[in-house]
């Protein structure tokens, strides 16, 4: 995604808003894929139905923790839940970085502008 070089003037507000919107859509897509992976995994590994699998995946992805994975669960389910929790953490951290990137770029660009280029 081409953003202005530090030697170029600051992008107009509508360009910045478009960048933020693209980043939001990108993160939304990543979250949908992550939820689909988790939901599918829970359906295949456990005896949970679609809604319960989606709930479990959503809870782990949001950081709230698992609901159904307990001591009495199978080892396969425990392993999947553990790996999905690590994957979910990576998704959350990456999403924050993706969402913050246009704002950080704009702030850094603004701070480095030479006077008269605004």
C-alpha atoms as a PDB file:
ATOM      1  CA  UNK A   1       0.000   0.000   0.000  1.00  0.00           C
ATOM      2  CA  UNK A   2       1.780   3.143  -1.159  1.00  0.00           C
ATOM      3  CA  UNK A   3       1.855   5.900   1.414  1.00  0.00           C
ATOM      4  CA  UNK A   4       3.492   9.277   0.961  1.00  0.00           C
ATOM      5  CA  UNK A   5       7.227   9.547   1.432  1.00  0.00           C
ATOM      6  CA  UNK A   6       8.547  11.785   4.210  1.00  0.00           C
ATOM      7  CA  UNK A   7       9.616  14.314   1.579  1.00  0.00           C
ATOM      8  CA  UNK A   8       6.039  14.593   0.241  1.00  0.00           C
ATOM      9  CA  UNK A   9       3.300  16.718   1.800  1.00  0.00           C
ATOM     10  CA  UNK A  10       0.863  15.255   4.318  1.00  0.00           C
ATOM     11  CA  UNK A  11      -1.994  13.353   2.662  1.00  0.00           C
ATOM     12  CA  UNK A  12      -5.420  15.023   2.710  1.00  0.00           C
ATOM     13  CA  UNK A  13      -7.975  13.927   5.303  1.00  0.00           C
ATOM     14  CA  UNK A  14     -10.036  11.908   2.822  1.00  0.00           C
ATOM     15  CA  UNK A  15      -6.950   9.895   1.800  1.00  0.00           C
ATOM     16  CA  UNK A  16      -6.164   9.238   5.463  1.00  0.00           C
ATOM     17  CA  UNK A  17      -9.778   8.187   6.115  1.00  0.00           C
ATOM     18  CA  UNK A  18      -9.584   5.792   3.170  1.00  0.00           C
ATOM     19  CA  UNK A  19      -6.407   4.248   4.604  1.00  0.00           C
ATOM     20  CA  UNK A  20      -8.043   3.765   7.988  1.00  0.00           C
ATOM     21  CA  UNK A  21     -11.100   2.194   6.347  1.00  0.00           C
ATOM     22  CA  UNK A  22      -8.911  -0.205   4.323  1.00  0.00           C
ATOM     23  CA  UNK A  23      -7.084  -1.250   7.473  1.00  0.00           C
ATOM     24  CA  UNK A  24     -10.396  -1.829   9.291  1.00  0.00           C
ATOM     25  CA  UNK A  25     -11.659  -3.987   6.409  1.00  0.00           C
ATOM     26  CA  UNK A  26      -8.377  -5.928   6.361  1.00  0.00           C
ATOM     27  CA  UNK A  27      -8.588  -6.630  10.097  1.00  0.00           C
ATOM     28  CA  UNK A  28     -12.258  -7.610   9.776  1.00  0.00           C
ATOM     29  CA  UNK A  29     -11.288 -10.121   7.085  1.00  0.00           C
ATOM     30  CA  UNK A  30      -8.479 -11.529   9.211  1.00  0.00           C
ATOM     31  CA  UNK A  31     -10.849 -11.940  12.159  1.00  0.00           C
ATOM     32  CA  UNK A  32     -13.461 -13.689  10.006  1.00  0.00           C
ATOM     33  CA  UNK A  33     -10.825 -16.149   8.749  1.00  0.00           C
ATOM     34  CA  UNK A  34      -9.520 -16.724  12.292  1.00  0.00           C
ATOM     35  CA  UNK A  35     -13.045 -17.383  13.561  1.00  0.00           C
ATOM     36  CA  UNK A  36     -13.680 -19.777  10.673  1.00  0.00           C
ATOM     37  CA  UNK A  37     -10.480 -21.692  11.490  1.00  0.00           C
ATOM     38  CA  UNK A  38     -11.412 -21.938  15.161  1.00  0.00           C
ATOM     39  CA  UNK A  39     -15.038 -22.856  14.542  1.00  0.00           C
ATOM     40  CA  UNK A  40     -14.067 -25.538  12.034  1.00  0.00           C
ATOM     41  CA  UNK A  41     -11.457 -26.939  14.392  1.00  0.00           C
ATOM     42  CA  UNK A  42     -13.887 -27.213  17.272  1.00  0.00           C
ATOM     43  CA  UNK A  43     -16.524 -28.840  15.057  1.00  0.00           C
ATOM     44  CA  UNK A  44     -14.045 -31.428  13.784  1.00  0.00           C
ATOM     45  CA  UNK A  45     -12.261 -32.180  17.066  1.00  0.00           C
ATOM     46  CA  UNK A  46     -15.040 -31.951  19.645  1.00  0.00           C
ATOM     47  CA  UNK A  47     -18.695 -32.880  19.727  1.00  0.00           C
ATOM     48  CA  UNK A  48     -19.758 -29.218  19.765  1.00  0.00           C
ATOM     49  CA  UNK A  49     -22.340 -27.977  17.282  1.00  0.00           C
ATOM     50  CA  UNK A  50     -21.841 -24.924  15.032  1.00  0.00           C
ATOM     51  CA  UNK A  51     -23.077 -22.326  17.525  1.00  0.00           C
ATOM     52  CA  UNK A  52     -21.076 -23.712  20.453  1.00  0.00           C
ATOM     53  CA  UNK A  53     -17.970 -24.053  18.274  1.00  0.00           C
ATOM     54  CA  UNK A  54     -18.350 -20.440  17.132  1.00  0.00           C
ATOM     55  CA  UNK A  55     -18.826 -19.349  20.752  1.00  0.00           C
ATOM     56  CA  UNK A  56     -15.689 -21.204  21.863  1.00  0.00           C
ATOM     57  CA  UNK A  57     -13.627 -19.747  18.998  1.00  0.00           C
ATOM     58  CA  UNK A  58     -14.980 -16.248  19.677  1.00  0.00           C
ATOM     59  CA  UNK A  59     -14.209 -16.464  23.375  1.00  0.00           C
ATOM     60  CA  UNK A  60     -10.621 -17.533  22.723  1.00  0.00           C
ATOM     61  CA  UNK A  61     -10.102 -14.970  19.978  1.00  0.00           C
ATOM     62  CA  UNK A  62     -11.400 -12.179  22.213  1.00  0.00           C
ATOM     63  CA  UNK A  63      -9.114 -13.213  25.053  1.00  0.00           C
ATOM     64  CA  UNK A  64     -11.933 -14.215  27.385  1.00  0.00           C
ATOM     65  CA  UNK A  65     -10.742 -17.810  27.519  1.00  0.00           C
ATOM     66  CA  UNK A  66     -12.238 -21.181  26.682  1.00  0.00           C
ATOM     67  CA  UNK A  67     -15.639 -22.286  27.928  1.00  0.00           C
ATOM     68  CA  UNK A  68     -15.721 -26.014  27.174  1.00  0.00           C
ATOM     69  CA  UNK A  69     -12.101 -27.120  27.354  1.00  0.00           C
ATOM     70  CA  UNK A  70     -11.859 -28.717  30.776  1.00  0.00           C
ATOM     71  CA  UNK A  71      -9.876 -31.451  32.484  1.00  0.00           C
ATOM     72  CA  UNK A  72     -12.383 -34.010  31.232  1.00  0.00           C
ATOM     73  CA  UNK A  73     -11.869 -32.929  27.604  1.00  0.00           C
ATOM     74  CA  UNK A  74      -9.886 -35.052  25.180  1.00  0.00           C
ATOM     75  CA  UNK A  75      -6.200 -34.377  24.714  1.00  0.00           C
ATOM     76  CA  UNK A  76      -6.865 -33.480  21.066  1.00  0.00           C
ATOM     77  CA  UNK A  77      -9.320 -30.789  22.129  1.00  0.00           C
ATOM     78  CA  UNK A  78      -6.919 -29.457  24.756  1.00  0.00           C
ATOM     79  CA  UNK A  79      -4.094 -29.285  22.207  1.00  0.00           C
ATOM     80  CA  UNK A  80      -6.292 -27.553  19.643  1.00  0.00           C
ATOM     81  CA  UNK A  81      -7.526 -25.055  22.252  1.00  0.00           C
ATOM     82  CA  UNK A  82      -3.961 -24.313  23.313  1.00  0.00           C
ATOM     83  CA  UNK A  83      -2.726 -23.791  19.772  1.00  0.00           C
ATOM     84  CA  UNK A  84      -5.784 -21.762  18.830  1.00  0.00           C
ATOM     85  CA  UNK A  85      -5.269 -19.556  21.904  1.00  0.00           C
ATOM     86  CA  UNK A  86      -1.681 -18.845  20.813  1.00  0.00           C
ATOM     87  CA  UNK A  87      -2.867 -18.202  17.251  1.00  0.00           C
ATOM     88  CA  UNK A  88      -5.591 -15.890  18.583  1.00  0.00           C
ATOM     89  CA  UNK A  89      -3.063 -13.866  20.553  1.00  0.00           C
ATOM     90  CA  UNK A  90      -0.987 -13.421  17.421  1.00  0.00           C
ATOM     91  CA  UNK A  91      -4.095 -12.307  15.515  1.00  0.00           C
ATOM     92  CA  UNK A  92      -5.018  -9.741  18.173  1.00  0.00           C
ATOM     93  CA  UNK A  93      -1.522  -8.269  18.379  1.00  0.00           C
ATOM     94  CA  UNK A  94      -1.221  -8.142  14.586  1.00  0.00           C
ATOM     95  CA  UNK A  95      -4.647  -6.532  14.264  1.00  0.00           C
ATOM     96  CA  UNK A  96      -3.706  -3.760  16.672  1.00  0.00           C
ATOM     97  CA  UNK A  97      -0.568  -3.082  14.633  1.00  0.00           C
ATOM     98  CA  UNK A  98      -2.503  -3.062  11.362  1.00  0.00           C
ATOM     99  CA  UNK A  99      -5.139  -0.694  12.752  1.00  0.00           C
ATOM    100  CA  UNK A 100      -2.563   1.635  14.299  1.00  0.00           C
ATOM    101  CA  UNK A 101      -0.300   1.844  11.248  1.00  0.00           C
ATOM    102  CA  UNK A 102      -2.079   4.671   9.368  1.00  0.00           C
ATOM    103  CA  UNK A 103      -2.360   6.752  12.545  1.00  0.00           C
ATOM    104  CA  UNK A 104       1.277   6.197  13.519  1.00  0.00           C
ATOM    105  CA  UNK A 105       2.395   6.957   9.952  1.00  0.00           C
ATOM    106  CA  UNK A 106       0.393  10.185   9.892  1.00  0.00           C
ATOM    107  CA  UNK A 107       1.708  11.314  13.299  1.00  0.00           C
ATOM    108  CA  UNK A 108       5.311  10.512  12.374  1.00  0.00           C
ATOM    109  CA  UNK A 109       4.941  12.192   8.987  1.00  0.00           C
ATOM    110  CA  UNK A 110       3.413  15.265  10.602  1.00  0.00           C
ATOM    111  CA  UNK A 111       6.263  15.476  13.113  1.00  0.00           C
ATOM    112  CA  UNK A 112       8.885  15.251  10.379  1.00  0.00           C
ATOM    113  CA  UNK A 113       7.404  17.748   7.949  1.00  0.00           C
ATOM    114  CA  UNK A 114       9.495  20.726   7.177  1.00  0.00           C
ATOM    115  CA  UNK A 115       7.831  24.040   7.827  1.00  0.00           C
ATOM    116  CA  UNK A 116       5.874  25.331   4.893  1.00  0.00           C
ATOM    117  CA  UNK A 117       4.932  21.879   3.558  1.00  0.00           C
ATOM    118  CA  UNK A 118       1.703  21.608   5.524  1.00  0.00           C
END
